Protein backbone atom coordinates (compact mmCIF):
# COMPACT_ATOMS: atom_id res chain seq x y z
CA MET A 1 -16.21 -10.58 0.29
CA ALA A 2 -18.31 -8.25 -1.86
CA ARG A 3 -16.60 -6.87 -4.92
CA GLN A 4 -15.10 -3.55 -3.87
CA THR A 5 -15.11 -2.20 -7.41
CA VAL A 6 -18.91 -2.26 -7.56
CA LEU A 7 -19.73 1.21 -6.27
CA SER A 8 -23.08 2.67 -5.36
CA ALA A 9 -24.07 6.10 -6.61
CA CYS A 10 -23.84 7.89 -3.28
CA GLY A 11 -21.23 9.41 -0.97
CA PRO A 12 -17.56 8.74 -1.73
CA ALA A 13 -18.57 6.08 -4.22
CA ALA A 14 -20.25 8.71 -6.39
CA VAL A 15 -16.99 10.65 -6.41
CA MET A 16 -15.17 7.52 -7.51
CA VAL A 17 -17.64 6.96 -10.34
CA ALA A 18 -17.29 10.58 -11.45
CA LEU A 19 -13.52 10.20 -11.53
CA LEU A 20 -13.72 7.38 -14.03
CA VAL A 21 -16.15 8.81 -16.54
CA ASN A 22 -15.00 10.39 -19.78
CA GLN A 23 -11.80 8.37 -19.69
CA ALA A 24 -10.21 6.99 -22.84
CA PRO A 25 -11.47 3.52 -23.76
CA VAL A 26 -9.80 0.52 -22.21
CA GLU A 27 -7.01 -0.67 -24.46
CA ALA A 28 -8.25 -3.59 -26.59
CA GLN A 29 -5.16 -5.77 -26.58
CA ALA A 30 -4.79 -9.52 -26.41
CA LEU A 31 -2.10 -11.36 -24.49
CA ASN A 32 -0.31 -12.56 -27.64
CA GLU A 33 -0.15 -8.97 -28.94
CA LEU A 34 1.39 -7.77 -25.68
CA ILE A 35 3.96 -10.58 -25.72
CA ALA A 36 4.86 -9.86 -29.35
CA GLY A 37 5.37 -6.18 -28.49
CA ALA A 38 7.31 -7.06 -25.36
CA LYS A 39 9.81 -9.13 -27.35
CA LYS A 40 10.88 -5.91 -29.06
CA GLU A 41 11.53 -4.22 -25.71
CA PRO A 42 14.73 -5.41 -24.03
CA GLU A 43 14.15 -4.22 -20.47
CA ILE A 44 11.96 -2.67 -17.81
CA ALA A 45 13.21 0.23 -15.73
CA PHE A 46 11.72 0.05 -12.23
CA ILE A 47 12.55 2.72 -9.65
CA ALA A 48 11.18 2.17 -6.15
CA GLY A 49 12.23 1.94 -2.50
CA ALA A 50 15.34 -0.11 -1.78
CA THR A 51 13.45 -2.94 -0.05
CA THR A 52 10.65 -3.21 -2.62
CA PHE A 53 9.65 -6.86 -3.19
CA GLY A 54 12.61 -7.84 -1.03
CA GLY A 55 15.20 -5.64 -2.72
CA ARG A 56 17.87 -6.56 -5.22
CA GLN A 57 18.27 -10.12 -3.98
CA SER A 58 14.73 -11.01 -5.03
CA PHE A 59 14.80 -9.52 -8.52
CA SER A 60 16.87 -12.26 -10.12
CA GLU A 61 14.13 -14.70 -9.15
CA ILE A 62 11.38 -12.30 -10.22
CA GLN A 63 13.09 -11.77 -13.59
CA ALA A 64 13.52 -15.50 -14.20
CA ALA A 65 9.90 -16.28 -13.30
CA PHE A 66 8.62 -13.35 -15.37
CA ASN A 67 10.52 -14.46 -18.46
CA LYS A 68 9.41 -18.07 -18.02
CA LYS A 69 5.76 -16.99 -17.65
CA PHE A 70 5.69 -15.17 -20.99
CA GLY A 71 8.53 -16.79 -22.96
CA LEU A 72 10.71 -13.68 -22.86
CA ASN A 73 14.35 -12.79 -22.33
CA ALA A 74 13.90 -9.37 -20.77
CA ARG A 75 15.90 -7.60 -18.07
CA ILE A 76 14.30 -5.98 -15.04
CA ASN A 77 16.53 -3.06 -14.11
CA PHE A 78 15.60 -2.31 -10.53
CA THR A 79 16.99 0.89 -9.03
CA ALA A 80 16.49 2.10 -5.47
CA GLY A 81 14.89 5.53 -5.58
CA PRO A 82 12.80 8.13 -3.77
CA SER A 83 9.55 7.74 -1.88
CA MET A 84 6.35 6.76 -3.67
CA PRO A 85 4.91 10.32 -3.60
CA ALA A 86 8.20 11.72 -4.91
CA MET A 87 8.27 9.11 -7.68
CA ALA A 88 4.72 9.98 -8.74
CA ALA A 89 5.67 13.67 -8.81
CA ARG A 90 8.68 12.85 -10.99
CA ILE A 91 6.50 10.94 -13.49
CA ILE A 92 4.15 13.93 -13.74
CA THR A 93 7.03 16.37 -14.21
CA GLU A 94 8.61 14.21 -16.91
CA ALA A 95 5.30 13.85 -18.76
CA LYS A 96 4.68 17.60 -18.74
CA ALA A 97 8.17 18.13 -20.12
CA GLY A 98 7.45 15.66 -22.94
CA ARG A 99 9.98 13.15 -21.65
CA LYS A 100 9.72 9.40 -21.17
CA SER A 101 9.14 8.28 -17.61
CA SER A 102 12.32 7.28 -15.78
CA THR A 103 10.39 4.31 -14.37
CA ASP A 104 8.28 2.06 -16.58
CA VAL A 105 5.95 1.09 -13.74
CA HIS A 106 4.85 2.90 -10.59
CA LEU A 107 4.30 1.19 -7.25
CA GLY A 108 2.21 3.10 -4.77
CA PRO A 109 -0.88 3.33 -2.54
CA PRO A 110 -4.20 4.91 -3.61
CA ALA A 111 -2.92 8.43 -2.88
CA THR A 112 -0.09 8.44 -5.42
CA HIS A 113 -2.06 6.65 -8.10
CA ALA A 114 -4.88 9.13 -7.55
CA GLU A 115 -2.44 11.89 -8.55
CA LEU A 116 -1.42 10.05 -11.72
CA HIS A 117 -5.07 9.32 -12.49
CA ASN A 118 -5.97 12.99 -12.13
CA GLU A 119 -3.25 13.84 -14.64
CA ARG A 120 -4.57 11.09 -16.99
CA LEU A 121 -1.13 9.52 -16.95
CA LEU A 122 -2.01 5.87 -16.38
CA GLU A 123 -2.35 3.44 -19.27
CA ARG A 124 -5.81 1.88 -19.44
CA VAL A 125 -5.59 -1.88 -19.85
CA ASP A 126 -8.28 -4.54 -19.46
CA TYR A 127 -6.11 -6.57 -17.10
CA SER A 128 -8.89 -8.83 -15.84
CA ARG A 129 -9.86 -9.80 -19.39
CA ILE A 130 -6.34 -10.36 -20.71
CA PHE A 131 -4.85 -12.20 -17.72
CA PRO A 132 -6.82 -15.12 -16.26
CA TRP A 133 -5.40 -14.72 -12.73
CA VAL A 134 -6.32 -11.02 -12.46
CA THR A 135 -9.83 -10.33 -11.17
CA LYS A 136 -11.84 -7.12 -11.41
CA GLU A 137 -11.48 -6.69 -7.66
CA MET A 138 -7.70 -6.55 -8.04
CA GLU A 139 -8.02 -3.49 -10.28
CA ILE A 140 -8.12 -0.94 -7.47
CA LEU A 141 -8.40 1.80 -10.07
CA PRO A 142 -10.39 -0.08 -12.73
CA ALA A 143 -8.33 -0.74 -15.88
CA GLU A 144 -5.43 1.33 -14.51
CA THR A 145 -3.82 -0.36 -11.50
CA VAL A 146 -3.48 -3.88 -10.13
CA LEU A 147 -3.08 -4.76 -6.44
CA VAL A 148 0.25 -6.46 -5.70
CA TYR A 149 0.29 -6.46 -1.91
CA THR A 150 -1.95 -5.53 0.98
CA SER A 151 -0.62 -3.87 4.13
CA LEU A 152 -2.65 -4.01 7.33
CA GLN A 153 -2.05 -1.04 9.59
CA GLY A 154 -2.23 -1.21 13.36
CA ILE A 155 -0.36 -1.20 16.65
CA LEU A 156 3.01 -2.87 17.29
CA TYR A 157 4.20 -3.73 20.80
CA ASN A 158 7.04 -5.56 22.53
CA SER A 159 5.58 -8.77 24.01
CA ASN A 160 8.55 -9.29 26.37
CA LEU A 161 7.93 -5.96 28.05
CA LEU A 162 4.16 -5.73 27.69
CA PRO A 163 2.13 -8.85 28.57
CA ARG A 164 -0.73 -9.69 26.25
CA ASP A 165 -3.41 -9.03 28.88
CA LYS A 166 -2.08 -5.50 29.37
CA ALA A 167 -1.37 -4.75 25.71
CA PRO A 168 -3.57 -2.48 23.56
CA LYS A 169 -6.05 -4.25 21.31
CA VAL A 170 -7.63 -1.23 19.58
CA TYR A 171 -6.55 2.36 18.97
CA GLU A 172 -8.81 3.57 21.78
CA ASP A 173 -6.80 1.52 24.29
CA LEU A 174 -3.72 3.66 23.65
CA VAL A 175 -5.34 6.60 25.45
CA HIS A 176 -7.30 4.60 28.05
CA PRO A 177 -6.60 6.24 31.45
CA GLU A 178 -5.66 2.97 33.20
CA LEU A 179 -4.16 0.89 30.38
CA SER A 180 -1.96 3.71 29.07
CA ARG A 181 -0.02 3.89 32.35
CA SER A 182 2.03 0.94 31.10
CA TRP A 183 3.38 2.79 28.04
CA ALA A 184 3.10 6.48 28.97
CA GLY A 185 6.38 8.06 27.93
CA LYS A 186 7.40 4.87 26.13
CA MET A 187 5.20 5.10 23.06
CA ALA A 188 6.29 6.15 19.56
CA ILE A 189 4.02 8.08 17.19
CA PRO A 190 4.58 8.14 13.42
CA PRO A 191 5.26 11.63 12.02
CA TYR A 192 2.51 11.25 9.42
CA THR A 193 -1.11 12.33 9.25
CA SER A 194 -2.24 9.79 6.64
CA TRP A 195 -3.27 7.07 9.11
CA LEU A 196 -5.25 9.60 11.14
CA VAL A 197 -6.99 10.89 8.00
CA GLU A 198 -7.87 7.31 7.11
CA LEU A 199 -9.08 6.71 10.66
CA SER A 200 -11.35 9.75 10.31
CA LEU A 201 -13.23 7.91 7.54
CA ILE A 202 -14.34 5.54 10.31
CA TRP A 203 -14.53 7.83 13.33
CA GLY A 204 -15.11 11.29 11.89
CA GLU A 205 -12.74 14.26 12.08
CA LYS A 206 -13.85 15.62 15.46
CA ARG A 207 -13.25 12.34 17.25
CA VAL A 208 -9.81 11.95 15.67
CA ILE A 209 -8.76 15.44 16.81
CA GLU A 210 -9.85 14.64 20.36
CA TYR A 211 -7.94 11.36 20.17
CA VAL A 212 -4.70 13.01 19.01
CA ARG A 213 -4.93 15.52 21.87
CA LYS A 214 -4.88 12.60 24.31
CA LEU A 215 -2.27 10.62 22.36
CA ILE A 216 0.50 13.22 22.12
CA PRO A 217 1.17 13.63 25.88
CA LEU A 218 1.82 9.87 26.12
CA SER A 219 4.43 9.92 23.37
CA ALA A 220 8.17 9.49 23.78
CA GLY A 221 8.88 10.75 20.27
CA GLN A 222 8.16 10.33 16.57
CA VAL A 223 9.57 7.44 14.56
CA ARG A 224 9.23 6.80 10.82
CA TYR A 225 7.80 3.65 9.33
CA GLY A 226 10.58 1.24 8.46
CA GLU A 227 12.50 2.11 11.63
CA ILE A 228 9.91 1.41 14.29
CA GLU A 229 10.02 -2.41 14.19
CA GLU A 230 13.64 -2.58 15.31
CA ARG A 231 13.21 0.10 17.95
CA VAL A 232 10.17 -1.54 19.52
CA SER A 233 11.83 -4.97 19.34
CA SER A 234 14.91 -3.61 21.13
CA GLY A 235 12.79 -2.21 23.95
CA GLU A 236 13.55 1.44 23.21
CA PHE A 237 9.78 1.85 22.88
CA LEU A 238 7.11 -0.43 24.29
CA VAL A 239 4.54 0.35 21.64
CA THR A 240 3.91 2.42 18.54
CA ALA A 241 0.62 4.19 17.95
CA ASN A 242 0.53 2.99 14.35
CA SER A 243 2.57 1.03 11.86
CA GLY A 244 1.85 1.12 8.16
CA SER A 245 2.47 -2.63 8.00
CA ALA A 246 1.80 -3.95 11.50
CA VAL A 247 0.99 -7.51 10.48
CA GLU A 248 3.75 -7.96 7.88
CA GLY A 249 6.22 -6.29 10.26
CA MET A 250 5.25 -8.80 12.94
CA TRP A 251 5.82 -11.74 10.55
CA GLU A 252 9.18 -10.43 9.40
CA TRP A 253 10.57 -9.66 12.82
CA GLN A 254 9.18 -12.70 14.61
CA ALA A 255 11.01 -14.78 12.00
CA LYS A 256 14.19 -13.12 13.33
CA GLY A 257 13.26 -14.04 16.89
CA ALA A 258 12.06 -10.56 17.87
CA PRO A 259 9.28 -10.15 20.48
CA LEU A 260 7.12 -8.06 18.16
CA VAL A 261 3.33 -8.36 18.02
CA GLY A 262 1.12 -6.57 15.53
CA VAL A 263 -2.52 -5.76 16.24
CA THR A 264 -5.11 -4.65 13.67
CA ALA A 265 -6.59 -1.95 15.83
CA SER A 266 -9.79 -0.86 14.09
CA ASP A 267 -12.87 -2.30 12.42
CA PRO A 268 -12.67 -2.06 9.48
CA VAL A 269 -8.89 -2.42 9.45
CA LEU A 270 -6.90 0.53 8.14
CA THR A 271 -5.57 -0.92 4.91
CA SER A 272 -2.93 0.20 2.43
CA TYR A 273 -3.48 -1.16 -1.07
CA PHE A 274 -0.17 -1.11 -2.92
CA GLN A 275 -0.67 -1.27 -6.67
CA LEU A 276 1.30 -1.20 -9.87
CA GLY A 277 0.36 0.90 -12.87
CA VAL A 278 2.00 1.86 -16.16
CA PRO A 279 2.62 5.56 -16.90
CA LYS A 280 1.51 6.65 -20.36
CA ASN A 281 5.02 7.97 -20.94
CA SER A 282 6.57 4.57 -20.22
CA ALA A 283 9.45 3.72 -22.58
CA HIS A 284 8.58 0.01 -22.56
CA PRO A 285 4.77 -0.20 -22.31
CA ASN A 286 4.27 -3.79 -23.44
CA LEU A 287 6.76 -5.32 -21.03
CA SER A 288 5.42 -3.05 -18.31
CA LYS A 289 1.82 -4.19 -18.72
CA LEU A 290 2.94 -7.80 -18.56
CA PHE A 291 4.97 -7.03 -15.43
CA VAL A 292 2.03 -5.35 -13.68
CA ALA A 293 -0.15 -8.40 -14.24
CA PHE A 294 2.65 -10.83 -13.42
CA MET A 295 3.20 -9.36 -9.95
CA ALA A 296 -0.37 -10.37 -9.05
CA SER A 297 0.24 -13.97 -10.12
CA PRO A 298 0.74 -16.81 -7.61
CA GLU A 299 4.34 -17.25 -8.83
CA ALA A 300 5.29 -13.65 -8.13
CA GLN A 301 3.40 -13.57 -4.85
CA ARG A 302 5.43 -16.52 -3.54
CA ILE A 303 8.70 -14.75 -4.35
CA VAL A 304 7.70 -11.48 -2.68
CA ASP A 305 6.43 -13.32 0.40
CA LYS A 306 9.71 -15.26 0.59
CA TYR A 307 11.80 -12.09 0.75
CA GLU A 308 9.48 -9.47 2.22
CA LYS A 309 6.58 -11.31 3.90
CA ARG A 310 4.14 -9.29 1.78
CA SER A 311 1.31 -10.53 -0.41
CA SER A 312 -2.16 -9.69 -1.72
CA HIS A 313 -5.24 -10.67 0.22
CA LEU A 314 -6.97 -11.20 -3.14
CA VAL A 315 -4.63 -13.95 -4.35
CA GLU A 316 -5.92 -17.26 -3.02
CA GLY A 317 -3.54 -19.15 -0.75
CA THR A 318 -1.20 -16.29 0.08
CA ARG A 319 -0.16 -15.60 3.63
CA MET A 320 -2.22 -12.39 3.67
CA ALA A 321 -5.30 -13.98 2.11
CA ASN A 322 -5.22 -16.73 4.73
CA TYR A 323 -4.71 -14.25 7.58
CA VAL A 324 -7.62 -12.07 6.51
CA LYS A 325 -9.87 -15.11 6.08
CA GLU A 326 -8.90 -16.86 9.31
CA ASN A 327 -9.36 -13.70 11.37
CA ARG A 328 -12.55 -12.70 9.52
CA LEU A 329 -11.22 -9.21 9.00
CA LYS A 330 -13.16 -6.47 7.29
CA LEU A 331 -10.80 -4.18 5.38
CA GLN A 332 -11.22 -0.48 4.71
CA SER A 333 -12.77 0.04 1.28
CA PRO A 334 -10.27 1.07 -1.43
CA GLY A 335 -13.09 2.97 -3.13
CA ASP A 336 -13.62 5.10 -0.02
CA LEU A 337 -9.88 5.73 0.26
CA ILE A 338 -9.52 6.80 -3.36
CA ALA A 339 -12.59 9.01 -3.18
CA SER A 340 -11.24 10.73 -0.06
CA PHE A 341 -8.18 11.88 -1.99
CA HIS A 342 -10.36 13.59 -4.62
CA GLU A 343 -13.16 15.21 -2.66
CA GLY A 344 -11.20 18.38 -2.03
CA LYS A 345 -12.33 18.42 1.58
CA GLY A 346 -10.49 18.14 4.85
CA LEU A 347 -7.59 20.48 4.08
CA GLU A 348 -8.07 22.34 7.36
CA PHE A 349 -8.34 19.01 9.19
CA ARG A 350 -5.08 17.75 7.68
CA ALA A 351 -3.37 21.05 8.49
CA GLU A 352 -4.53 20.88 12.09
CA LEU A 353 -3.23 17.32 12.45
CA THR A 354 0.13 18.34 11.00
CA LYS A 355 0.37 21.23 13.43
CA MET A 356 -0.51 19.00 16.38
CA LEU A 357 2.13 16.41 15.47
CA LYS A 358 4.81 19.11 15.22
CA GLN A 359 4.21 20.32 18.75
């Protein structure tokens, strides 16, 4: 796989390059300096969704492995909190008020880190130089964020109620005149526009609008991510038009015996790159930088996969890395995704999609 952080000087890549110029220099710290500073910081405050990295049950293992990795005796105070966009907004508000961030690290996709980047609120750290297991490619925002897990978006369907030969294989199948008869009136649609905006980077805006016009009449209702797996598994819906984590959802629910199948429904695959970064107003910056890097380590990846079936496709040997390799998947470029959040275009397109989904 070509390094995704090497960007050409054209199109969205040029926007990405422009975003990163005139930034403060990368922090010239060595690992021993970070560890020495971390020993003076007793804890990390981490606010994120309740099921992050497997939830509270996983954090005792994460804390023990983290301390062993760096010879520390720190606490990781995990608190269930608001959505990723809301958390990013809180960090920005706290920084503007001159307050320390309520969370020492932020977990989010390119969209929320793009907001923090725009506000110049992310610590710049040479992660790939300091930590041997971190590669340049893992720094989705170079010297600011590190990839901790990769989510592959796509279609979910109930394999007990929808045989494989009649199931959708790509997004276009969902609106196919003959195939769609099987799930017309039994399909869920997520109440979000983000996946459609990301799909427009592949298809173009006009084609996506035409697609949504055909999709909506087939829908039986809107269901949020995080709820759809159970409702498709139960048979309430036969299929969902998109899941933010179709592949990981399939792994998790099949392990419970559910008849859930996930399909990566586009080429390249719609991909969510969930990263950690350290706000500049973090109260415990040394521990936080170590934690960001640690979560990309093989040790941390095994723990997260154990509890949440999530992992990074860039960490060799993980479940996700093996899946991407075995299926020869091409993933949507993180550079293109980040650039799309900064171009200042598409506001009318997003508004039209929102209006259509509310009908």
